[in-house]
Amino acid sequence: MNPTPTDHSRAPEPGTASPETASPEAASPQTPSWDRLVSTALVGTTRRTVPDLPDLPRATREGAAGLLDLVALDAVRTRAGYTAHTADPVTPDAPDTRPDVGPAANHRLDVILTTRPELLPEWLGRAARGGRRVSHVHVPDLLDRASRDSSLRPLVAPVVGERGTWLASHNTAWSFIAREPLPTDVHTDAAWKEGTSARRRRSLFALRGTDPAAARDLLAEVLPQESRSEERRALLEALAVSLGPDDEAVLDQALDDRAASVRGLALALLTRLPDSAHAHRLRAHLRAHLGRYQGPPRAVDVVDMDVPTADQLRDLALVPPKKRPEARRARWELGRVLITHAPLDTWTAFLGTDPAGVLDLAEDEQDLREALADAACLQAAPDWARAVLDHPGAGLAQLLRAGGRNREWPRTQELLAALPVGERCDRVVAALASVAAGPTTGKTDLHVLGEVLHTVDAPWTRALSDEVTRRLTGPIGTRDSRGYRFLCEAAAEHMPPEHLDLLPKEPPLEEEGPAYLRLRDTLRFRLDMHREL
């Protein structure tokens, strides 16, 4: 009987190595534990116990079976490309003692993130005002969205809290969140003296909220020593909290900063101090370039700043131009900066009239009127905002009547923001009534109305909701279906959900039924959201 051939007598398969030619490296994984495993196998598990190895888990079986488990794991891990290494344990995040928003609100957040992202700012704002945080599972998604949309960052920061800051330390794409002040922040000497730039900024903001003078003193000390302009600006932003006359010295010094971004911020904050020495200097600069005439072509004018002085340039956070401006437009831009930042009472005092009277005198000067409107926005001056919004040729009623350019909607929003919320709504209702009683068709383009409603940027009064409902339930023009849908979207986002009772349950216009029903559905969704938060 012929003996059965052994494995060694067989010819190797094509593409494989024979035992005689196989590479030792291929058979022996090179890991720190491999030699100890081999040594134990040679001696035998009856004479040596299976070792505990630093880079492998503890064997779960006894004897040879446990040893073979570890050998198999080490071999597979090595073939997969594992490289032995050491690492420091990850420091856990600081505890967040605030309550979670709860299961119902977290589920609604899932729906918002998936299908209703336009409602995310409202959800975040309500959660933050309630002093609650999101579940940790939502933090990465919110940080991702905030990394793409900077307007969300101040809303996301409070609800992700310390967990968000901790995650940002492991992902540079989220590092922005570490700089956002949190309601729970507390100033400490250690954070200010030894912390990261983000932690120092938050510590300064926290101190500014409790002791503005102490924060200002710290800021004045470190600003000249900070070499990076973005850090100087980030710290200077803390003065926006509890801004007051005593902050002028630090801001005035920042007008000499070599970085335009720092100078611009200092100028913007100084503009909010109408009784400062800087404000009085701007008044003097403006008066030196004002002229009033008894007849056409101009009743009031700003003389071009052909050669601005060094003092004028400094007070406007500008640098000397390389050459004298040749075109009148270039010279006018210097004047525009002065008009925008100089206190608006300069005009009423110089011309002896109220804001509406100043705009009347500038009737034929569109550039001047627009500069005055920008000044009213920047300085958040209620009387001037009212005068601009009431202007017969460019006010709110005219926008509703004739529509507006894209750049006019942000300006309208800033003008309305200078007024109390109730007055904003009342002015929109009054402007609609003015259009309806006007000499034209008395109709407002629904798309334009939707744009105006977005600029209110606050919960509507019931009177405004009632007026919008009347527009939605009345007849529309044959070509205004797009406007109707846009108006429904604006109402869905801004109408208080408790005003849902104003809307009939059934669509008043069959052809616009889907848009109308989506509006009602969104208001019900928001009403439930408000109850949960």
Protein backbone atom coordinates (compact mmCIF):
# COMPACT_ATOMS: atom_id res chain seq x y z
CA MET A 1 0.00 0.00 0.00
CA ASN A 2 1.49 3.25 -1.12
CA PRO A 3 1.91 5.88 1.59
CA THR A 4 -0.23 8.93 1.42
CA PRO A 5 1.82 11.90 0.18
CA THR A 6 2.40 14.61 2.75
CA ASP A 7 1.69 18.33 2.22
CA HIS A 8 5.42 18.90 1.68
CA SER A 9 5.43 16.54 -1.30
CA ARG A 10 2.83 18.58 -3.17
CA ALA A 11 3.85 21.19 -5.70
CA PRO A 12 3.07 24.71 -4.53
CA GLU A 13 0.11 26.45 -6.06
CA PRO A 14 0.99 29.11 -8.68
CA GLY A 15 1.64 32.48 -7.07
CA THR A 16 2.34 31.02 -3.59
CA ALA A 17 5.61 30.55 -1.77
CA SER A 18 6.83 27.17 -0.62
CA PRO A 19 7.84 26.69 3.01
CA GLU A 20 11.47 26.76 1.94
CA THR A 21 11.16 30.14 0.18
CA ALA A 22 8.55 31.89 2.35
CA SER A 23 9.74 35.17 3.82
CA PRO A 24 10.35 35.04 7.58
CA GLU A 25 8.83 38.51 7.85
CA ALA A 26 5.58 37.28 6.29
CA ALA A 27 5.29 34.53 8.90
CA SER A 28 6.35 36.63 11.87
CA PRO A 29 4.44 39.81 12.61
CA GLN A 30 6.78 42.41 13.98
CA THR A 31 4.95 43.76 17.01
CA PRO A 32 6.22 44.30 20.57
CA SER A 33 4.23 41.29 21.78
CA TRP A 34 5.10 38.79 19.07
CA ASP A 35 8.36 37.53 20.59
CA ARG A 36 6.69 36.91 23.95
CA LEU A 37 3.88 34.98 22.29
CA VAL A 38 6.36 32.83 20.35
CA SER A 39 8.42 32.23 23.50
CA THR A 40 5.36 31.07 25.40
CA ALA A 41 4.37 28.75 22.54
CA LEU A 42 7.84 27.16 22.46
CA VAL A 43 7.90 26.55 26.19
CA GLY A 44 4.27 25.48 26.31
CA THR A 45 1.32 26.80 28.21
CA THR A 46 1.63 23.99 30.75
CA ARG A 47 4.92 25.52 31.91
CA ARG A 48 4.22 29.23 31.29
CA THR A 49 1.00 31.17 31.62
CA VAL A 50 -0.36 33.22 28.75
CA PRO A 51 1.22 36.67 29.21
CA ASP A 52 -0.65 39.93 29.77
CA LEU A 53 0.56 42.19 26.97
CA PRO A 54 0.36 46.01 26.88
CA ASP A 55 -0.83 46.24 23.27
CA LEU A 56 -3.29 43.32 23.28
CA PRO A 57 -6.44 42.63 25.28
CA ARG A 58 -6.38 40.07 28.08
CA ALA A 59 -7.00 36.50 26.89
CA THR A 60 -10.55 35.35 27.56
CA ARG A 61 -9.71 31.61 27.43
CA GLU A 62 -7.20 29.55 29.36
CA GLY A 63 -4.11 27.71 28.13
CA ALA A 64 -3.30 27.05 24.51
CA ALA A 65 -6.68 28.28 23.26
CA GLY A 66 -6.12 31.70 24.82
CA LEU A 67 -2.58 31.85 23.44
CA LEU A 68 -3.79 31.03 19.92
CA ASP A 69 -6.47 33.73 20.21
CA LEU A 70 -3.80 36.33 20.91
CA VAL A 71 -1.54 35.02 18.14
CA ALA A 72 -4.40 35.23 15.63
CA LEU A 73 -5.34 38.73 16.74
CA ASP A 74 -1.74 39.95 16.54
CA ALA A 75 -1.23 38.41 13.09
CA VAL A 76 -4.43 39.86 11.63
CA ARG A 77 -3.74 43.26 13.16
CA THR A 78 -0.25 43.34 11.67
CA ARG A 79 -1.45 42.34 8.20
CA ALA A 80 -4.03 45.14 8.44
CA GLY A 81 -1.22 47.67 8.84
CA TYR A 82 -1.22 48.20 12.59
CA THR A 83 1.75 50.12 13.94
CA ALA A 84 2.54 50.00 17.61
CA HIS A 85 2.29 53.38 19.27
CA THR A 86 1.55 55.12 22.51
CA ALA A 87 -0.87 57.97 23.18
CA ASP A 88 -1.92 60.14 26.07
CA PRO A 89 -5.44 59.53 27.36
CA VAL A 90 -7.98 62.04 26.08
CA THR A 91 -8.97 64.53 28.74
CA PRO A 92 -12.76 64.38 29.14
CA ASP A 93 -14.90 67.45 28.67
CA ALA A 94 -15.98 69.57 31.60
CA PRO A 95 -19.38 68.61 33.02
CA ASP A 96 -22.38 70.59 31.82
CA THR A 97 -24.91 70.84 34.63
CA ARG A 98 -27.63 72.40 32.51
CA PRO A 99 -30.64 70.19 31.75
CA ASP A 100 -31.12 68.56 28.37
CA VAL A 101 -34.01 69.92 26.31
CA GLY A 102 -35.75 66.56 26.65
CA PRO A 103 -36.80 63.72 24.32
CA ALA A 104 -39.64 65.56 22.56
CA ALA A 105 -37.56 68.66 21.78
CA ASN A 106 -34.61 66.51 20.67
CA HIS A 107 -36.86 64.58 18.31
CA ARG A 108 -38.21 67.86 16.91
CA LEU A 109 -34.62 69.03 16.39
CA ASP A 110 -34.02 65.88 14.33
CA VAL A 111 -36.97 66.82 12.12
CA ILE A 112 -35.79 70.43 11.79
CA LEU A 113 -32.27 69.38 10.81
CA THR A 114 -33.66 66.97 8.23
CA THR A 115 -36.62 68.78 6.66
CA ARG A 116 -37.14 72.25 8.20
CA PRO A 117 -33.73 73.96 8.50
CA GLU A 118 -35.31 77.44 8.21
CA LEU A 119 -36.71 76.93 11.73
CA LEU A 120 -33.34 76.07 13.27
CA PRO A 121 -32.48 79.64 14.46
CA GLU A 122 -35.82 79.89 16.28
CA TRP A 123 -35.35 76.50 17.94
CA LEU A 124 -31.79 77.33 19.03
CA GLY A 125 -32.81 80.73 20.38
CA ARG A 126 -35.63 79.33 22.50
CA ALA A 127 -33.44 76.54 23.88
CA ALA A 128 -30.69 79.01 24.82
CA ARG A 129 -33.11 81.44 26.48
CA GLY A 130 -34.45 78.55 28.53
CA GLY A 131 -30.95 77.76 29.80
CA ARG A 132 -30.96 74.26 28.31
CA ARG A 133 -28.58 72.31 26.09
CA VAL A 134 -29.02 69.90 23.20
CA SER A 135 -28.36 66.20 23.54
CA HIS A 136 -24.72 65.34 22.93
CA VAL A 137 -25.61 63.34 19.82
CA HIS A 138 -26.68 66.55 18.04
CA VAL A 139 -23.53 68.53 18.82
CA PRO A 140 -21.42 67.44 15.79
CA ASP A 141 -24.22 68.18 13.31
CA LEU A 142 -24.81 71.63 14.78
CA LEU A 143 -21.09 72.43 14.72
CA ASP A 144 -20.92 71.37 11.07
CA ARG A 145 -23.79 73.68 10.17
CA ALA A 146 -22.30 76.57 12.12
CA SER A 147 -18.97 76.06 10.34
CA ARG A 148 -20.78 76.68 7.04
CA ASP A 149 -23.09 79.47 8.27
CA SER A 150 -21.43 82.02 10.56
CA SER A 151 -24.79 83.57 11.48
CA LEU A 152 -25.62 80.38 13.41
CA ARG A 153 -22.51 80.47 15.59
CA PRO A 154 -23.81 82.74 18.38
CA LEU A 155 -26.97 80.59 18.50
CA VAL A 156 -25.20 77.23 18.44
CA ALA A 157 -22.54 78.05 21.06
CA PRO A 158 -24.86 78.29 24.10
CA VAL A 159 -26.72 75.06 23.39
CA VAL A 160 -23.65 72.89 22.66
CA GLY A 161 -21.82 74.29 25.69
CA GLU A 162 -18.62 72.73 26.99
CA ARG A 163 -19.14 69.55 24.96
CA GLY A 164 -18.97 71.64 21.80
CA THR A 165 -15.80 73.40 22.98
CA TRP A 166 -14.25 70.05 23.85
CA LEU A 167 -15.06 68.55 20.45
CA ALA A 168 -13.68 71.66 18.74
CA SER A 169 -10.31 71.00 20.38
CA HIS A 170 -10.16 67.77 18.37
CA ASN A 171 -11.38 69.19 15.05
CA THR A 172 -9.92 72.41 13.66
CA ALA A 173 -12.96 72.90 11.40
CA TRP A 174 -14.96 73.58 14.57
CA SER A 175 -12.37 75.73 16.35
CA PHE A 176 -14.52 78.86 15.88
CA ILE A 177 -16.91 77.69 18.59
CA ALA A 178 -14.23 77.85 21.27
CA ARG A 179 -14.17 81.65 20.87
CA GLU A 180 -17.90 82.17 21.36
CA PRO A 181 -18.76 83.41 24.88
CA LEU A 182 -21.07 81.14 26.88
CA PRO A 183 -23.58 82.16 29.56
CA THR A 184 -21.81 79.81 31.98
CA ASP A 185 -18.34 81.36 31.48
CA VAL A 186 -16.56 82.69 34.56
CA HIS A 187 -13.45 84.86 34.52
CA THR A 188 -10.40 83.41 36.25
CA ASP A 189 -6.82 84.64 36.46
CA ALA A 190 -5.61 81.25 35.23
CA ALA A 191 -7.76 81.38 32.09
CA TRP A 192 -6.69 84.96 31.36
CA LYS A 193 -2.97 84.48 31.98
CA GLU A 194 -2.39 80.90 30.82
CA GLY A 195 -5.34 79.97 28.60
CA THR A 196 -5.54 79.71 24.84
CA SER A 197 -6.47 82.81 22.87
CA ALA A 198 -10.06 81.54 22.67
CA ARG A 199 -10.24 80.90 26.41
CA ARG A 200 -8.74 84.31 27.18
CA ARG A 201 -11.35 86.00 24.99
CA ARG A 202 -14.21 84.22 26.74
CA SER A 203 -12.73 85.03 30.12
CA LEU A 204 -12.54 88.71 29.18
CA PHE A 205 -16.16 88.69 27.98
CA ALA A 206 -17.25 87.06 31.26
CA LEU A 207 -15.42 89.72 33.29
CA ARG A 208 -16.86 92.49 31.11
CA GLY A 209 -20.34 91.31 32.07
CA THR A 210 -19.63 91.52 35.81
CA ASP A 211 -16.92 94.20 36.17
CA PRO A 212 -16.63 96.36 33.01
CA ALA A 213 -13.90 98.59 34.45
CA ALA A 214 -11.65 95.67 35.41
CA ALA A 215 -12.08 94.12 31.96
CA ARG A 216 -11.25 97.44 30.32
CA ASP A 217 -8.06 97.74 32.38
CA LEU A 218 -6.93 94.25 31.37
CA LEU A 219 -7.66 95.02 27.74
CA ALA A 220 -5.75 98.30 27.79
CA GLU A 221 -2.75 96.45 29.22
CA VAL A 222 -2.58 93.63 26.68
CA LEU A 223 -3.65 95.28 23.42
CA PRO A 224 -0.27 96.96 22.73
CA GLN A 225 1.50 93.65 23.41
CA GLU A 226 -0.65 91.49 21.10
CA SER A 227 1.14 90.96 17.78
CA ARG A 228 -1.70 89.36 15.80
CA SER A 229 -4.36 91.74 14.49
CA GLU A 230 -7.12 89.12 14.58
CA GLU A 231 -6.45 88.61 18.29
CA ARG A 232 -6.47 92.34 18.97
CA ARG A 233 -9.82 92.66 17.25
CA ALA A 234 -11.24 89.60 19.03
CA LEU A 235 -10.35 91.08 22.41
CA LEU A 236 -11.52 94.58 21.51
CA GLU A 237 -14.97 93.15 20.69
CA ALA A 238 -15.49 92.66 24.43
CA LEU A 239 -16.03 96.41 24.81
CA ALA A 240 -19.34 96.05 22.97
CA VAL A 241 -20.65 94.55 26.23
CA SER A 242 -21.73 97.36 28.59
CA LEU A 243 -20.16 99.99 26.32
CA GLY A 244 -19.89 103.36 28.07
CA PRO A 245 -18.11 106.73 28.04
CA ASP A 246 -15.20 105.40 30.12
CA ASP A 247 -14.25 103.11 27.23
CA GLU A 248 -13.40 105.98 24.90
CA ALA A 249 -9.70 106.13 25.78
CA VAL A 250 -9.08 102.50 24.79
CA LEU A 251 -11.11 102.86 21.60
CA ASP A 252 -9.44 106.12 20.65
CA GLN A 253 -6.04 104.49 21.01
CA ALA A 254 -7.23 101.64 18.76
CA LEU A 255 -7.82 104.19 15.96
CA ASP A 256 -4.02 104.19 15.57
CA ASP A 257 -3.83 100.42 15.13
CA ARG A 258 -1.98 99.30 12.02
CA ALA A 259 -4.78 96.86 11.07
CA ALA A 260 -7.82 98.25 9.26
CA SER A 261 -10.08 95.64 10.88
CA VAL A 262 -9.16 96.86 14.37
CA ARG A 263 -9.53 100.53 13.43
CA GLY A 264 -12.90 99.85 11.83
CA LEU A 265 -14.22 98.12 14.94
CA ALA A 266 -12.98 100.96 17.15
CA LEU A 267 -14.75 103.49 14.91
CA ALA A 268 -18.00 101.50 14.96
CA LEU A 269 -17.98 101.36 18.76
CA LEU A 270 -17.05 105.03 19.11
CA THR A 271 -20.03 105.88 16.89
CA ARG A 272 -22.23 104.52 19.69
CA LEU A 273 -20.85 107.18 22.10
CA PRO A 274 -22.49 110.44 20.91
CA ASP A 275 -21.07 112.57 23.75
CA SER A 276 -17.46 111.47 23.40
CA ALA A 277 -14.60 113.75 22.40
CA HIS A 278 -14.34 111.73 19.20
CA ALA A 279 -18.00 112.46 18.39
CA HIS A 280 -17.44 116.18 18.92
CA ARG A 281 -14.45 116.09 16.57
CA LEU A 282 -16.58 114.40 13.90
CA ARG A 283 -19.23 117.09 14.33
CA ALA A 284 -16.57 119.73 13.69
CA HIS A 285 -15.23 117.88 10.65
CA LEU A 286 -18.73 117.63 9.17
CA ARG A 287 -19.66 121.26 9.85
CA ALA A 288 -16.51 122.32 8.02
CA HIS A 289 -17.83 120.63 4.86
CA LEU A 290 -21.52 121.53 5.06
CA GLY A 291 -23.11 124.16 2.89
CA ARG A 292 -26.67 125.49 2.62
CA TYR A 293 -28.04 127.32 -0.40
CA GLN A 294 -31.14 129.44 -0.93
CA GLY A 295 -32.17 127.86 -4.22
CA PRO A 296 -31.43 125.21 -6.83
CA PRO A 297 -29.57 123.16 -7.77
CA ARG A 298 -28.94 122.19 -4.13
CA ALA A 299 -30.55 123.25 -0.88
CA VAL A 300 -27.87 121.49 1.19
CA ASP A 301 -24.59 119.94 0.19
CA VAL A 302 -21.41 118.37 1.51
CA VAL A 303 -18.29 119.94 0.06
CA ASP A 304 -15.94 117.32 -1.39
CA MET A 305 -13.03 116.30 0.82
CA ASP A 306 -10.33 116.87 -1.81
CA VAL A 307 -7.43 116.80 0.62
CA PRO A 308 -8.52 115.38 3.97
CA THR A 309 -6.37 116.32 6.92
CA ALA A 310 -4.45 113.82 9.01
CA ASP A 311 -6.85 114.38 11.91
CA GLN A 312 -9.88 113.73 9.70
CA LEU A 313 -8.38 110.51 8.35
CA ARG A 314 -7.48 109.28 11.83
CA ASP A 315 -10.92 110.02 13.26
CA LEU A 316 -12.49 108.09 10.36
CA ALA A 317 -10.08 105.13 10.76
CA LEU A 318 -8.68 105.76 7.27
CA VAL A 319 -5.14 105.88 5.92
CA PRO A 320 -3.86 108.68 3.66
CA PRO A 321 -4.62 108.00 -0.02
CA LYS A 322 -1.60 107.41 -2.23
CA LYS A 323 -2.69 110.24 -4.48
CA ARG A 324 -5.35 112.91 -4.53
CA PRO A 325 -8.72 111.52 -5.66
CA GLU A 326 -9.39 112.66 -9.21
CA ALA A 327 -12.97 111.55 -9.78
CA ARG A 328 -15.78 113.26 -7.91
CA ARG A 329 -17.13 109.84 -6.93
CA ALA A 330 -13.91 108.98 -5.13
CA ARG A 331 -13.95 112.30 -3.29
CA TRP A 332 -17.61 111.77 -2.37
CA GLU A 333 -16.81 108.41 -0.76
CA LEU A 334 -14.68 110.18 1.84
CA GLY A 335 -17.61 112.47 2.57
CA ARG A 336 -19.94 109.50 2.78
CA VAL A 337 -17.81 107.91 5.50
CA LEU A 338 -17.92 111.18 7.45
CA ILE A 339 -21.71 111.54 7.06
CA THR A 340 -22.30 107.95 8.14
CA HIS A 341 -20.27 108.22 11.36
CA ALA A 342 -20.75 111.84 12.45
CA PRO A 343 -23.58 112.27 15.00
CA LEU A 344 -26.81 112.99 13.16
CA ASP A 345 -27.69 115.89 15.43
CA THR A 346 -25.05 117.85 13.50
CA TRP A 347 -27.55 118.12 10.64
CA THR A 348 -30.55 119.21 12.69
CA ALA A 349 -28.48 121.81 14.54
CA PHE A 350 -26.86 123.18 11.38
CA LEU A 351 -30.08 123.35 9.36
CA GLY A 352 -32.42 124.25 12.22
CA THR A 353 -34.97 121.55 11.46
CA ASP A 354 -35.95 118.01 12.39
CA PRO A 355 -34.79 114.78 10.63
CA ALA A 356 -37.71 114.86 8.18
CA GLY A 357 -36.85 118.46 7.34
CA VAL A 358 -33.23 117.50 6.62
CA LEU A 359 -34.37 114.79 4.23
CA ASP A 360 -36.68 117.28 2.51
CA LEU A 361 -33.76 119.67 1.96
CA ALA A 362 -31.76 116.77 0.50
CA GLU A 363 -34.65 115.74 -1.76
CA ASP A 364 -32.68 116.15 -4.99
CA GLU A 365 -29.50 114.54 -3.63
CA GLN A 366 -30.02 110.77 -3.69
CA ASP A 367 -26.45 109.99 -2.60
CA LEU A 368 -26.82 112.27 0.40
CA ARG A 369 -30.20 110.80 1.38
CA GLU A 370 -28.81 107.27 1.18
CA ALA A 371 -25.81 108.26 3.29
CA LEU A 372 -28.13 109.74 5.91
CA ALA A 373 -30.20 106.54 5.87
CA ASP A 374 -27.02 104.50 6.40
CA ALA A 375 -26.10 106.79 9.30
CA ALA A 376 -29.51 106.19 10.87
CA CYS A 377 -28.87 102.44 10.62
CA LEU A 378 -25.34 102.54 12.02
CA GLN A 379 -26.24 104.88 14.87
CA ALA A 380 -29.60 103.14 15.57
CA ALA A 381 -31.27 106.55 15.81
CA PRO A 382 -35.07 106.06 16.23
CA ASP A 383 -36.12 109.59 15.15
CA TRP A 384 -34.05 109.36 12.00
CA ALA A 385 -35.23 105.82 11.29
CA ARG A 386 -38.83 107.04 11.44
CA ALA A 387 -38.04 109.94 9.11
CA VAL A 388 -36.44 107.64 6.53
CA LEU A 389 -39.25 105.07 6.76
CA ASP A 390 -41.87 107.82 6.36
CA HIS A 391 -40.17 109.55 3.44
CA PRO A 392 -42.73 109.85 0.62
CA GLY A 393 -40.24 109.12 -2.13
CA ALA A 394 -38.18 106.33 -0.60
CA GLY A 395 -39.94 105.20 2.56
CA LEU A 396 -41.71 102.01 3.51
CA ALA A 397 -44.94 102.80 1.68
CA GLN A 398 -43.01 103.53 -1.50
CA LEU A 399 -41.19 100.19 -1.20
CA LEU A 400 -44.52 98.41 -0.89
CA ARG A 401 -45.92 100.37 -3.79
CA ALA A 402 -43.05 100.09 -6.25
CA GLY A 403 -40.84 97.31 -4.91
CA GLY A 404 -37.23 97.69 -3.90
CA ARG A 405 -33.75 96.77 -4.96
CA ASN A 406 -32.02 93.90 -3.18
CA ARG A 407 -29.72 96.25 -1.26
CA GLU A 408 -32.70 98.14 0.21
CA TRP A 409 -34.08 95.20 2.20
CA PRO A 410 -31.10 94.93 4.61
CA ARG A 411 -31.24 98.70 5.15
CA THR A 412 -34.99 98.55 5.84
CA GLN A 413 -34.39 95.78 8.37
CA GLU A 414 -31.77 97.88 10.20
CA LEU A 415 -34.04 100.93 10.22
CA LEU A 416 -36.90 98.92 11.70
CA ALA A 417 -34.51 97.36 14.23
CA ALA A 418 -33.99 100.83 15.73
CA LEU A 419 -37.68 100.88 16.72
CA PRO A 420 -39.66 98.97 19.36
CA VAL A 421 -41.12 95.70 18.07
CA GLY A 422 -44.72 96.86 18.31
CA GLU A 423 -43.97 100.01 16.36
CA ARG A 424 -42.28 98.02 13.59
CA CYS A 425 -45.46 96.04 13.05
CA ASP A 426 -47.67 99.14 13.29
CA ARG A 427 -45.62 100.89 10.63
CA VAL A 428 -45.97 98.00 8.19
CA VAL A 429 -49.74 97.95 8.74
CA ALA A 430 -49.91 101.74 8.28
CA ALA A 431 -47.80 101.57 5.12
CA LEU A 432 -50.12 98.92 3.66
CA ALA A 433 -53.12 101.11 4.44
CA SER A 434 -51.38 104.06 2.79
CA VAL A 435 -50.81 102.06 -0.38
CA ALA A 436 -54.41 100.85 -0.42
CA ALA A 437 -55.68 104.42 -0.14
CA GLY A 438 -53.21 105.79 -2.68
CA PRO A 439 -53.90 107.14 -6.15
CA THR A 440 -52.64 103.98 -7.90
CA THR A 441 -54.26 100.57 -8.07
CA GLY A 442 -54.11 100.21 -4.31
CA LYS A 443 -52.53 96.76 -4.53
CA THR A 444 -49.21 95.58 -3.14
CA ASP A 445 -47.13 92.95 -4.88
CA LEU A 446 -47.30 89.92 -2.58
CA HIS A 447 -43.65 89.07 -3.13
CA VAL A 448 -42.66 92.60 -2.10
CA LEU A 449 -44.89 92.31 0.97
CA GLY A 450 -43.11 89.07 1.85
CA GLU A 451 -39.75 90.87 1.62
CA VAL A 452 -40.99 93.64 3.91
CA LEU A 453 -42.33 91.13 6.42
CA HIS A 454 -38.92 89.45 6.61
CA THR A 455 -37.39 92.81 7.58
CA VAL A 456 -39.61 93.11 10.68
CA ASP A 457 -37.39 90.39 12.21
CA ALA A 458 -39.51 90.05 15.37
CA PRO A 459 -42.76 88.35 16.44
CA TRP A 460 -45.71 90.04 14.76
CA THR A 461 -48.50 91.80 16.57
CA ARG A 462 -51.95 90.32 16.09
CA ALA A 463 -52.89 93.35 13.97
CA LEU A 464 -50.10 92.57 11.50
CA SER A 465 -50.98 88.87 11.45
CA ASP A 466 -54.59 89.81 10.76
CA GLU A 467 -53.55 92.07 7.87
CA VAL A 468 -51.41 89.32 6.34
CA THR A 469 -54.26 86.83 6.75
CA ARG A 470 -56.53 89.21 4.88
CA ARG A 471 -54.03 89.29 2.01
CA LEU A 472 -53.78 85.51 1.96
CA THR A 473 -57.52 84.91 1.96
CA GLY A 474 -58.45 87.58 -0.57
CA PRO A 475 -58.27 87.30 -4.37
CA ILE A 476 -54.83 87.50 -5.98
CA GLY A 477 -53.74 88.55 -9.41
CA THR A 478 -53.60 85.92 -12.09
CA ARG A 479 -49.81 86.28 -12.29
CA ASP A 480 -49.02 86.48 -8.58
CA SER A 481 -48.95 82.79 -7.65
CA ARG A 482 -45.23 83.01 -6.95
CA GLY A 483 -45.81 86.02 -4.71
CA TYR A 484 -48.56 84.15 -2.83
CA ARG A 485 -46.22 81.24 -2.12
CA PHE A 486 -43.47 83.60 -0.97
CA LEU A 487 -45.90 85.39 1.36
CA CYS A 488 -46.97 82.03 2.81
CA GLU A 489 -43.31 81.19 3.48
CA ALA A 490 -42.74 84.53 5.22
CA ALA A 491 -45.84 84.05 7.38
CA ALA A 492 -44.85 80.47 8.22
CA GLU A 493 -41.49 81.68 9.53
CA HIS A 494 -42.49 84.89 11.33
CA MET A 495 -46.19 84.83 12.29
CA PRO A 496 -46.58 83.85 15.96
CA PRO A 497 -47.98 80.29 15.94
CA GLU A 498 -50.63 81.25 18.48
CA HIS A 499 -52.19 83.36 15.70
CA LEU A 500 -53.03 80.16 13.80
CA ASP A 501 -56.68 80.69 14.73
CA LEU A 502 -56.80 83.64 12.30
CA LEU A 503 -56.31 81.32 9.31
CA PRO A 504 -59.32 79.38 8.00
CA LYS A 505 -58.80 75.61 8.08
CA GLU A 506 -59.62 75.20 4.40
CA PRO A 507 -57.61 76.91 1.63
CA PRO A 508 -59.46 80.01 0.44
CA LEU A 509 -57.95 79.61 -3.04
CA GLU A 510 -58.02 76.12 -4.50
CA GLU A 511 -55.09 76.68 -6.86
CA GLU A 512 -52.87 77.86 -3.97
CA GLY A 513 -54.05 75.17 -1.58
CA PRO A 514 -50.68 73.37 -1.13
CA ALA A 515 -48.84 76.57 -0.14
CA TYR A 516 -51.62 77.59 2.26
CA LEU A 517 -51.79 74.16 3.91
CA ARG A 518 -47.99 74.12 4.33
CA LEU A 519 -48.32 77.45 6.12
CA ARG A 520 -50.87 76.06 8.56
CA ASP A 521 -48.82 72.90 9.06
CA THR A 522 -45.68 74.92 9.85
CA LEU A 523 -47.52 77.09 12.36
CA ARG A 524 -48.82 73.96 14.13
CA PHE A 525 -45.28 72.55 14.11
CA ARG A 526 -43.91 75.76 15.65
CA LEU A 527 -46.70 75.87 18.22
CA ASP A 528 -45.70 72.40 19.44
CA MET A 529 -42.05 73.48 19.37
CA HIS A 530 -42.79 76.45 21.63
CA ARG A 531 -44.60 74.20 24.11
CA GLU A 532 -41.63 71.83 24.28
CA LEU A 533 -39.11 74.61 24.86
